[in-house]
Protein backbone atom coordinates (compact mmCIF):
# COMPACT_ATOMS: atom_id res chain seq x y z
CA MET A 1 113.31 78.97 138.60
CA ALA A 2 114.26 79.10 134.92
CA LEU A 3 115.84 82.53 135.43
CA LEU A 4 117.75 81.27 138.48
CA ARG A 5 119.05 78.23 136.56
CA HIS A 6 120.05 80.51 133.69
CA VAL A 7 122.01 82.86 135.98
CA ALA A 8 123.76 79.90 137.65
CA ALA A 9 124.71 78.60 134.19
CA MET A 10 126.04 82.04 133.19
CA LEU A 11 128.20 82.10 136.34
CA ALA A 12 129.52 78.62 135.55
CA GLU A 13 130.33 79.60 131.96
CA ASP A 14 132.46 82.44 133.30
CA GLY A 15 134.26 80.16 135.78
CA TRP A 16 132.30 81.00 138.94
CA ARG A 17 130.13 78.96 141.30
CA ALA A 18 127.77 79.86 144.10
CA SER A 19 129.02 78.82 147.55
CA ASN A 20 125.73 79.52 149.31
CA ILE A 21 122.75 81.83 149.09
CA ASP A 22 120.70 83.36 151.90
CA CYS A 23 117.18 84.64 151.19
CA ALA A 24 114.90 86.69 153.42
CA VAL A 25 111.26 86.88 152.32
CA VAL A 26 109.27 89.72 153.91
CA CYS A 27 105.50 89.37 153.74
CA GLU A 28 102.40 89.22 155.92
CA HIS A 29 100.76 86.41 153.95
CA PRO A 30 101.29 83.59 153.14
CA LYS A 31 103.29 82.23 156.03
CA ILE A 32 106.62 80.95 154.71
CA ALA A 33 107.29 78.30 157.38
CA PRO A 34 105.06 75.55 155.92
CA TYR A 35 106.79 75.91 152.53
CA ARG A 36 110.33 76.75 153.60
CA ASP A 37 111.89 73.28 153.36
CA GLU A 38 110.43 72.67 149.90
CA MET A 39 111.53 76.15 148.75
CA GLN A 40 115.07 75.53 150.01
CA ARG A 41 115.23 72.13 148.26
CA ASN A 42 113.97 73.52 144.94
CA LEU A 43 116.24 76.58 145.03
CA THR A 44 119.27 74.48 146.05
CA ALA A 45 118.63 72.11 143.13
CA ALA A 46 118.34 75.03 140.69
CA VAL A 47 121.54 76.74 141.88
CA GLY A 48 123.66 73.73 142.77
CA ALA A 49 124.61 75.24 146.14
CA PRO A 50 122.92 75.46 149.55
CA VAL A 51 120.10 78.01 149.73
CA THR A 52 118.48 79.08 152.99
CA VAL A 53 115.11 80.84 153.15
CA LYS A 54 113.93 82.87 156.13
CA GLY A 55 110.48 84.38 156.52
CA ASN A 56 110.00 87.80 158.10
CA ARG A 57 107.00 90.04 158.69
CA ALA A 58 106.78 93.78 158.13
CA GLU A 59 104.68 94.07 161.31
CA GLN A 60 101.90 95.92 159.47
CA LEU A 61 104.25 98.73 158.39
CA GLY A 62 104.01 100.19 154.90
CA ALA A 63 102.75 98.49 151.76
CA ILE A 64 104.33 95.16 152.67
CA GLY A 65 102.77 95.27 156.13
CA ARG A 66 99.37 95.95 154.55
CA ALA A 67 99.89 92.74 152.49
CA GLU A 68 100.08 94.72 149.24
CA GLY A 69 103.28 93.02 148.16
CA VAL A 70 106.21 90.78 148.99
CA VAL A 71 109.92 91.62 149.25
CA CYS A 72 112.80 89.19 148.92
CA PHE A 73 116.40 90.01 149.75
CA ALA A 74 119.00 87.50 148.58
CA THR A 75 122.73 87.47 149.20
CA ALA A 76 124.93 85.09 147.22
CA LEU A 77 128.50 84.15 148.07
CA ILE A 78 130.33 83.12 144.89
CA HIS A 79 133.81 81.78 144.30
CA ARG A 80 136.01 81.05 141.30
CA ALA A 81 135.61 77.41 140.33
CA ALA A 82 138.69 75.22 140.73
CA GLY A 83 140.75 75.23 137.54
CA ALA A 84 138.86 78.17 136.02
CA PRO A 85 141.13 80.55 134.14
CA ARG A 86 141.55 83.98 135.68
CA THR A 87 140.52 86.93 133.55
CA SER A 88 141.68 90.48 134.07
C-alpha cells in the first residue's frame, strides 16, 4: 500500500491523476470474493480513484493452477489533472 500511495503521489507531482484502475487477481487460493470489497476500499483510498478487483482461477493450469503463486494484472487509466502545466 505504501508503494501504491508513493506512485500515486509521483503521478500527482507530475500533473497526472488516476481515473480508475482495474485489477485481476489470478490464484487458486485464497478465494478473493470474501475480501474483494475491503480490498477495493483500501486500494481506492490509497490511489484516490476507483479501483475494481476481480478474482480469477487458473483452473489448475501451470504453477498458478497448482497454487504455487499468485498473479495480478492491473490496468490504470490516467489523465492530466485540471490546470496542470503541459510538458513536452
